[in-house]
């Protein structure tokens, strides 16, 4: 889903920059919407790739800036 939003955002940005749209407002709207979708897609892609979920019989310890945390039968964002 996130990657698809990034592709749509890139296409809209390209349309806004290079297509002969009739007015500056339409070009600005296409570029702005394209960039917004690109950023939202990138954030979704990053979050979905960094989320790790454990099964019922496993656990992991997440360490970092928030201290140590044992994750059992749940999930957490894991930044390598």
PDB file of N, CA and C in Angstrom:
ATOM      1  N   UNK A   1       0.819  -1.182   0.000  1.00  0.00           N
ATOM      2  CA  UNK A   1       0.000   0.000   0.000  1.00  0.00           C
ATOM      3  C   UNK A   1       0.867   1.252   0.000  1.00  0.00           C
ATOM      4  N   UNK A   2       1.902   1.270   0.825  1.00  0.00           N
ATOM      5  CA  UNK A   2       2.768   2.432   0.904  1.00  0.00           C
ATOM      6  C   UNK A   2       3.547   2.653  -0.381  1.00  0.00           C
ATOM      7  N   UNK A   3       4.033   1.568  -0.982  1.00  0.00           N
ATOM      8  CA  UNK A   3       4.781   1.684  -2.226  1.00  0.00           C
ATOM      9  C   UNK A   3       3.883   2.185  -3.354  1.00  0.00           C
ATOM     10  N   UNK A   4       2.643   1.715  -3.380  1.00  0.00           N
ATOM     11  CA  UNK A   4       1.689   2.170  -4.387  1.00  0.00           C
ATOM     12  C   UNK A   4       1.413   3.664  -4.267  1.00  0.00           C
ATOM     13  N   UNK A   5       1.286   4.150  -3.028  1.00  0.00           N
ATOM     14  CA  UNK A   5       1.091   5.586  -2.818  1.00  0.00           C
ATOM     15  C   UNK A   5       2.305   6.384  -3.286  1.00  0.00           C
ATOM     16  N   UNK A   6       3.493   5.815  -3.086  1.00  0.00           N
ATOM     17  CA  UNK A   6       4.688   6.500  -3.546  1.00  0.00           C
ATOM     18  C   UNK A   6       4.708   6.601  -5.069  1.00  0.00           C
ATOM     19  N   UNK A   7       4.289   5.544  -5.749  1.00  0.00           N
ATOM     20  CA  UNK A   7       4.259   5.564  -7.212  1.00  0.00           C
ATOM     21  C   UNK A   7       3.242   6.587  -7.716  1.00  0.00           C
ATOM     22  N   UNK A   8       2.050   6.576  -7.118  1.00  0.00           N
ATOM     23  CA  UNK A   8       1.021   7.543  -7.518  1.00  0.00           C
ATOM     24  C   UNK A   8       1.491   8.964  -7.246  1.00  0.00           C
ATOM     25  N   UNK A   9       2.132   9.187  -6.115  1.00  0.00           N
ATOM     26  CA  UNK A   9       2.657  10.509  -5.788  1.00  0.00           C
ATOM     27  C   UNK A   9       3.708  10.971  -6.777  1.00  0.00           C
ATOM     28  N   UNK A  10       4.600  10.057  -7.171  1.00  0.00           N
ATOM     29  CA  UNK A  10       5.623  10.418  -8.147  1.00  0.00           C
ATOM     30  C   UNK A  10       4.998  10.745  -9.501  1.00  0.00           C
ATOM     31  N   UNK A  11       3.988   9.970  -9.897  1.00  0.00           N
ATOM     32  CA  UNK A  11       3.312  10.250 -11.164  1.00  0.00           C
ATOM     33  C   UNK A  11       2.601  11.595 -11.139  1.00  0.00           C
ATOM     34  N   UNK A  12       1.906  11.899 -10.042  1.00  0.00           N
ATOM     35  CA  UNK A  12       1.221  13.187  -9.951  1.00  0.00           C
ATOM     36  C   UNK A  12       2.207  14.348  -9.937  1.00  0.00           C
ATOM     37  N   UNK A  13       3.335  14.158  -9.277  1.00  0.00           N
ATOM     38  CA  UNK A  13       4.348  15.200  -9.266  1.00  0.00           C
ATOM     39  C   UNK A  13       4.892  15.423 -10.675  1.00  0.00           C
ATOM     40  N   UNK A  14       5.141  14.330 -11.391  1.00  0.00           N
ATOM     41  CA  UNK A  14       5.606  14.444 -12.768  1.00  0.00           C
ATOM     42  C   UNK A  14       4.587  15.117 -13.664  1.00  0.00           C
ATOM     43  N   UNK A  15       3.328  14.781 -13.480  1.00  0.00           N
ATOM     44  CA  UNK A  15       2.270  15.420 -14.272  1.00  0.00           C
ATOM     45  C   UNK A  15       2.234  16.913 -13.977  1.00  0.00           C
ATOM     46  N   UNK A  16       2.351  17.275 -12.715  1.00  0.00           N
ATOM     47  CA  UNK A  16       2.310  18.684 -12.350  1.00  0.00           C
ATOM     48  C   UNK A  16       3.492  19.463 -12.882  1.00  0.00           C
ATOM     49  N   UNK A  17       4.655  18.810 -12.963  1.00  0.00           N
ATOM     50  CA  UNK A  17       5.845  19.522 -13.416  1.00  0.00           C
ATOM     51  C   UNK A  17       5.968  19.583 -14.933  1.00  0.00           C
ATOM     52  N   UNK A  18       5.599  18.500 -15.625  1.00  0.00           N
ATOM     53  CA  UNK A  18       5.924  18.394 -17.040  1.00  0.00           C
ATOM     54  C   UNK A  18       4.723  18.414 -17.988  1.00  0.00           C
ATOM     55  N   UNK A  19       3.523  18.172 -17.512  1.00  0.00           N
ATOM     56  CA  UNK A  19       2.363  18.154 -18.393  1.00  0.00           C
ATOM     57  C   UNK A  19       1.893  19.582 -18.664  1.00  0.00           C
ATOM     58  N   UNK A  20       1.363  19.820 -19.836  1.00  0.00           N
ATOM     59  CA  UNK A  20       0.882  21.174 -20.148  1.00  0.00           C
ATOM     60  C   UNK A  20      -0.505  21.421 -19.552  1.00  0.00           C
ATOM     61  N   UNK A  21      -0.568  21.597 -18.243  1.00  0.00           N
ATOM     62  CA  UNK A  21      -1.838  21.893 -17.597  1.00  0.00           C
ATOM     63  C   UNK A  21      -2.196  23.360 -17.848  1.00  0.00           C
ATOM     64  N   UNK A  22      -3.485  23.666 -17.937  1.00  0.00           N
ATOM     65  CA  UNK A  22      -3.891  25.008 -18.342  1.00  0.00           C
ATOM     66  C   UNK A  22      -3.533  26.128 -17.375  1.00  0.00           C
ATOM     67  N   UNK A  23      -3.456  25.864 -16.097  1.00  0.00           N
ATOM     68  CA  UNK A  23      -3.207  26.984 -15.188  1.00  0.00           C
ATOM     69  C   UNK A  23      -2.155  26.621 -14.148  1.00  0.00           C
ATOM     70  N   UNK A  24      -1.596  27.642 -13.565  1.00  0.00           N
ATOM     71  CA  UNK A  24      -0.588  27.475 -12.515  1.00  0.00           C
ATOM     72  C   UNK A  24      -1.200  26.817 -11.290  1.00  0.00           C
ATOM     73  N   UNK A  25      -2.455  27.118 -10.997  1.00  0.00           N
ATOM     74  CA  UNK A  25      -3.120  26.547  -9.825  1.00  0.00           C
ATOM     75  C   UNK A  25      -3.226  25.036  -9.969  1.00  0.00           C
ATOM     76  N   UNK A  26      -3.588  24.562 -11.158  1.00  0.00           N
ATOM     77  CA  UNK A  26      -3.689  23.115 -11.363  1.00  0.00           C
ATOM     78  C   UNK A  26      -2.328  22.449 -11.276  1.00  0.00           C
ATOM     79  N   UNK A  27      -1.298  23.104 -11.796  1.00  0.00           N
ATOM     80  CA  UNK A  27       0.057  22.547 -11.692  1.00  0.00           C
ATOM     81  C   UNK A  27       0.495  22.476 -10.229  1.00  0.00           C
ATOM     82  N   UNK A  28       0.258  23.539  -9.492  1.00  0.00           N
ATOM     83  CA  UNK A  28       0.635  23.559  -8.083  1.00  0.00           C
ATOM     84  C   UNK A  28      -0.134  22.523  -7.283  1.00  0.00           C
ATOM     85  N   UNK A  29      -1.407  22.341  -7.607  1.00  0.00           N
ATOM     86  CA  UNK A  29      -2.222  21.344  -6.914  1.00  0.00           C
ATOM     87  C   UNK A  29      -1.722  19.938  -7.201  1.00  0.00           C
ATOM     88  N   UNK A  30      -1.381  19.671  -8.463  1.00  0.00           N
ATOM     89  CA  UNK A  30      -0.881  18.345  -8.828  1.00  0.00           C
ATOM     90  C   UNK A  30       0.460  18.060  -8.162  1.00  0.00           C
ATOM     91  N   UNK A  31       1.334  19.045  -8.152  1.00  0.00           N
ATOM     92  CA  UNK A  31       2.648  18.858  -7.524  1.00  0.00           C
ATOM     93  C   UNK A  31       2.499  18.685  -6.015  1.00  0.00           C
ATOM     94  N   UNK A  32       1.680  19.526  -5.388  1.00  0.00           N
ATOM     95  CA  UNK A  32       1.486  19.434  -3.938  1.00  0.00           C
ATOM     96  C   UNK A  32       0.861  18.117  -3.524  1.00  0.00           C
ATOM     97  N   UNK A  33      -0.172  17.696  -4.239  1.00  0.00           N
ATOM     98  CA  UNK A  33      -0.820  16.420  -3.931  1.00  0.00           C
ATOM     99  C   UNK A  33       0.129  15.257  -4.184  1.00  0.00           C
ATOM    100  N   UNK A  34       0.889  15.348  -5.259  1.00  0.00           N
ATOM    101  CA  UNK A  34       1.855  14.294  -5.566  1.00  0.00           C
ATOM    102  C   UNK A  34       2.920  14.163  -4.496  1.00  0.00           C
ATOM    103  N   UNK A  35       3.453  15.286  -4.055  1.00  0.00           N
ATOM    104  CA  UNK A  35       4.476  15.243  -3.005  1.00  0.00           C
ATOM    105  C   UNK A  35       3.904  14.749  -1.680  1.00  0.00           C
ATOM    106  N   UNK A  36       2.669  15.144  -1.367  1.00  0.00           N
ATOM    107  CA  UNK A  36       2.038  14.671  -0.130  1.00  0.00           C
ATOM    108  C   UNK A  36       1.850  13.154  -0.165  1.00  0.00           C
ATOM    109  N   UNK A  37       1.367  12.634  -1.293  1.00  0.00           N
ATOM    110  CA  UNK A  37       1.193  11.184  -1.414  1.00  0.00           C
ATOM    111  C   UNK A  37       2.531  10.463  -1.371  1.00  0.00           C
ATOM    112  N   UNK A  38       3.554  11.063  -1.954  1.00  0.00           N
ATOM    113  CA  UNK A  38       4.883  10.471  -1.932  1.00  0.00           C
ATOM    114  C   UNK A  38       5.414  10.363  -0.505  1.00  0.00           C
ATOM    115  N   UNK A  39       5.247  11.403   0.283  1.00  0.00           N
ATOM    116  CA  UNK A  39       5.723  11.399   1.668  1.00  0.00           C
ATOM    117  C   UNK A  39       4.910  10.421   2.519  1.00  0.00           C
ATOM    118  N   UNK A  40       3.596  10.419   2.365  1.00  0.00           N
ATOM    119  CA  UNK A  40       2.752   9.492   3.129  1.00  0.00           C
ATOM    120  C   UNK A  40       3.089   8.047   2.768  1.00  0.00           C
ATOM    121  N   UNK A  41       3.291   7.775   1.495  1.00  0.00           N
ATOM    122  CA  UNK A  41       3.661   6.426   1.068  1.00  0.00           C
ATOM    123  C   UNK A  41       4.996   5.994   1.619  1.00  0.00           C
ATOM    124  N   UNK A  42       5.966   6.913   1.654  1.00  0.00           N
ATOM    125  CA  UNK A  42       7.282   6.588   2.204  1.00  0.00           C
ATOM    126  C   UNK A  42       7.194   6.281   3.692  1.00  0.00           C
ATOM    127  N   UNK A  43       6.415   7.060   4.424  1.00  0.00           N
ATOM    128  CA  UNK A  43       6.250   6.814   5.856  1.00  0.00           C
ATOM    129  C   UNK A  43       5.580   5.469   6.101  1.00  0.00           C
ATOM    130  N   UNK A  44       4.525   5.169   5.350  1.00  0.00           N
ATOM    131  CA  UNK A  44       3.850   3.877   5.505  1.00  0.00           C
ATOM    132  C   UNK A  44       4.770   2.710   5.174  1.00  0.00           C
ATOM    133  N   UNK A  45       5.562   2.852   4.130  1.00  0.00           N
ATOM    134  CA  UNK A  45       6.488   1.785   3.746  1.00  0.00           C
ATOM    135  C   UNK A  45       7.535   1.561   4.831  1.00  0.00           C
ATOM    136  N   UNK A  46       8.074   2.618   5.377  1.00  0.00           N
ATOM    137  CA  UNK A  46       9.093   2.489   6.425  1.00  0.00           C
ATOM    138  C   UNK A  46       8.510   1.845   7.673  1.00  0.00           C
ATOM    139  N   UNK A  47       7.343   2.293   8.100  1.00  0.00           N
ATOM    140  CA  UNK A  47       6.741   1.753   9.319  1.00  0.00           C
ATOM    141  C   UNK A  47       6.380   0.275   9.142  1.00  0.00           C
ATOM    142  N   UNK A  48       5.822  -0.098   8.006  1.00  0.00           N
ATOM    143  CA  UNK A  48       5.444  -1.502   7.813  1.00  0.00           C
ATOM    144  C   UNK A  48       6.660  -2.404   7.695  1.00  0.00           C
ATOM    145  N   UNK A  49       7.784  -1.889   7.199  1.00  0.00           N
ATOM    146  CA  UNK A  49       8.983  -2.715   7.107  1.00  0.00           C
ATOM    147  C   UNK A  49       9.712  -2.843   8.435  1.00  0.00           C
ATOM    148  N   UNK A  50       9.532  -1.903   9.342  1.00  0.00           N
ATOM    149  CA  UNK A  50      10.235  -1.938  10.622  1.00  0.00           C
ATOM    150  C   UNK A  50       9.420  -2.564  11.748  1.00  0.00           C
ATOM    151  N   UNK A  51       8.150  -2.883  11.523  1.00  0.00           N
ATOM    152  CA  UNK A  51       7.314  -3.464  12.579  1.00  0.00           C
ATOM    153  C   UNK A  51       7.567  -4.964  12.649  1.00  0.00           C
ATOM    154  N   UNK A  52       7.928  -5.449  13.809  1.00  0.00           N
ATOM    155  CA  UNK A  52       8.170  -6.883  14.021  1.00  0.00           C
ATOM    156  C   UNK A  52       7.166  -7.401  15.034  1.00  0.00           C
ATOM    157  N   UNK A  53       6.570  -8.546  14.734  1.00  0.00           N
ATOM    158  CA  UNK A  53       5.572  -9.151  15.599  1.00  0.00           C
ATOM    159  C   UNK A  53       6.066 -10.522  16.028  1.00  0.00           C
ATOM    160  N   UNK A  54       5.856 -10.844  17.296  1.00  0.00           N
ATOM    161  CA  UNK A  54       6.261 -12.147  17.799  1.00  0.00           C
ATOM    162  C   UNK A  54       5.069 -13.089  17.795  1.00  0.00           C
ATOM    163  N   UNK A  55       5.383 -14.379  17.801  1.00  0.00           N
ATOM    164  CA  UNK A  55       4.327 -15.382  17.929  1.00  0.00           C
ATOM    165  C   UNK A  55       4.088 -15.645  19.408  1.00  0.00           C
ATOM    166  N   UNK A  56       3.135 -16.506  19.704  1.00  0.00           N
ATOM    167  CA  UNK A  56       2.773 -16.777  21.096  1.00  0.00           C
ATOM    168  C   UNK A  56       3.893 -17.483  21.864  1.00  0.00           C
ATOM    169  N   UNK A  57       4.746 -18.215  21.166  1.00  0.00           N
ATOM    170  CA  UNK A  57       5.788 -18.963  21.863  1.00  0.00           C
ATOM    171  C   UNK A  57       7.160 -18.296  21.776  1.00  0.00           C
ATOM    172  N   UNK A  58       7.237 -17.074  21.294  1.00  0.00           N
ATOM    173  CA  UNK A  58       8.517 -16.377  21.185  1.00  0.00           C
ATOM    174  C   UNK A  58       8.438 -15.014  21.865  1.00  0.00           C
ATOM    175  N   UNK A  59       9.597 -14.460  22.133  1.00  0.00           N
ATOM    176  CA  UNK A  59       9.700 -13.112  22.689  1.00  0.00           C
ATOM    177  C   UNK A  59      10.996 -12.499  22.187  1.00  0.00           C
ATOM    178  N   UNK A  60      11.070 -11.182  22.210  1.00  0.00           N
ATOM    179  CA  UNK A  60      12.336 -10.518  21.930  1.00  0.00           C
ATOM    180  C   UNK A  60      12.472  -9.302  22.833  1.00  0.00           C
ATOM    181  N   UNK A  61      13.723  -8.886  23.022  1.00  0.00           N
ATOM    182  CA  UNK A  61      14.015  -7.735  23.867  1.00  0.00           C
ATOM    183  C   UNK A  61      14.393  -6.584  22.950  1.00  0.00           C
ATOM    184  N   UNK A  62      13.652  -5.510  23.072  1.00  0.00           N
ATOM    185  CA  UNK A  62      13.943  -4.314  22.281  1.00  0.00           C
ATOM    186  C   UNK A  62      14.673  -3.342  23.184  1.00  0.00           C
ATOM    187  N   UNK A  63      15.868  -2.953  22.768  1.00  0.00           N
ATOM    188  CA  UNK A  63      16.652  -1.995  23.535  1.00  0.00           C
ATOM    189  C   UNK A  63      16.837  -0.738  22.701  1.00  0.00           C
ATOM    190  N   UNK A  64      17.142   0.336  23.367  1.00  0.00           N
ATOM    191  CA  UNK A  64      17.361   1.580  22.632  1.00  0.00           C
ATOM    192  C   UNK A  64      17.142   2.781  23.509  1.00  0.00           C
ATOM    193  N   UNK A  65      16.681   3.867  22.887  1.00  0.00           N
ATOM    194  CA  UNK A  65      16.559   5.127  23.613  1.00  0.00           C
ATOM    195  C   UNK A  65      15.496   5.077  24.701  1.00  0.00           C
ATOM    196  N   UNK A  66      14.501   4.226  24.584  1.00  0.00           N
ATOM    197  CA  UNK A  66      13.455   4.124  25.594  1.00  0.00           C
ATOM    198  C   UNK A  66      13.772   3.110  26.679  1.00  0.00           C
ATOM    199  N   UNK A  67      14.970   2.543  26.661  1.00  0.00           N
ATOM    200  CA  UNK A  67      15.341   1.514  27.627  1.00  0.00           C
ATOM    201  C   UNK A  67      15.027   0.129  27.078  1.00  0.00           C
ATOM    202  N   UNK A  68      15.159  -0.860  27.924  1.00  0.00           N
ATOM    203  CA  UNK A  68      14.889  -2.236  27.520  1.00  0.00           C
ATOM    204  C   UNK A  68      13.407  -2.551  27.682  1.00  0.00           C
ATOM    205  N   UNK A  69      12.887  -3.317  26.739  1.00  0.00           N
ATOM    206  CA  UNK A  69      11.481  -3.715  26.800  1.00  0.00           C
ATOM    207  C   UNK A  69      11.357  -5.121  26.239  1.00  0.00           C
ATOM    208  N   UNK A  70      10.740  -6.005  26.996  1.00  0.00           N
ATOM    209  CA  UNK A  70      10.504  -7.366  26.531  1.00  0.00           C
ATOM    210  C   UNK A  70       9.152  -7.396  25.829  1.00  0.00           C
ATOM    211  N   UNK A  71       9.150  -7.874  24.606  1.00  0.00           N
ATOM    212  CA  UNK A  71       7.921  -7.961  23.818  1.00  0.00           C
ATOM    213  C   UNK A  71       7.536  -9.423  23.714  1.00  0.00           C
ATOM    214  N   UNK A  72       6.411  -9.757  24.323  1.00  0.00           N
ATOM    215  CA  UNK A  72       5.898 -11.136  24.283  1.00  0.00           C
ATOM    216  C   UNK A  72       4.495 -11.101  23.692  1.00  0.00           C
ATOM    217  N   UNK A  73       4.278 -11.899  22.666  1.00  0.00           N
ATOM    218  CA  UNK A  73       2.965 -12.019  22.013  1.00  0.00           C
ATOM    219  C   UNK A  73       2.422 -10.652  21.610  1.00  0.00           C
ATOM    220  N   UNK A  74       3.256  -9.880  20.939  1.00  0.00           N
ATOM    221  CA  UNK A  74       2.873  -8.568  20.476  1.00  0.00           C
ATOM    222  C   UNK A  74       3.821  -8.100  19.401  1.00  0.00           C
ATOM    223  N   UNK A  75       3.965  -6.813  19.268  1.00  0.00           N
ATOM    224  CA  UNK A  75       4.846  -6.281  18.252  1.00  0.00           C
ATOM    225  C   UNK A  75       5.442  -4.958  18.674  1.00  0.00           C
ATOM    226  N   UNK A  76       6.467  -4.545  17.951  1.00  0.00           N
ATOM    227  CA  UNK A  76       7.132  -3.279  18.229  1.00  0.00           C
ATOM    228  C   UNK A  76       7.872  -2.821  16.981  1.00  0.00           C
ATOM    229  N   UNK A  77       8.145  -1.526  16.903  1.00  0.00           N
ATOM    230  CA  UNK A  77       8.977  -1.012  15.837  1.00  0.00           C
ATOM    231  C   UNK A  77      10.429  -1.302  16.187  1.00  0.00           C
ATOM    232  N   UNK A  78      11.137  -1.943  15.276  1.00  0.00           N
ATOM    233  CA  UNK A  78      12.527  -2.319  15.500  1.00  0.00           C
ATOM    234  C   UNK A  78      13.366  -1.615  14.456  1.00  0.00           C
ATOM    235  N   UNK A  79      14.198  -0.684  14.907  1.00  0.00           N
ATOM    236  CA  UNK A  79      15.087   0.051  14.007  1.00  0.00           C
ATOM    237  C   UNK A  79      16.457  -0.606  14.081  1.00  0.00           C
ATOM    238  N   UNK A  80      16.933  -1.151  12.972  1.00  0.00           N
ATOM    239  CA  UNK A  80      18.234  -1.858  13.016  1.00  0.00           C
ATOM    240  C   UNK A  80      19.397  -0.928  13.230  1.00  0.00           C
TER     241      UNK A  80
END
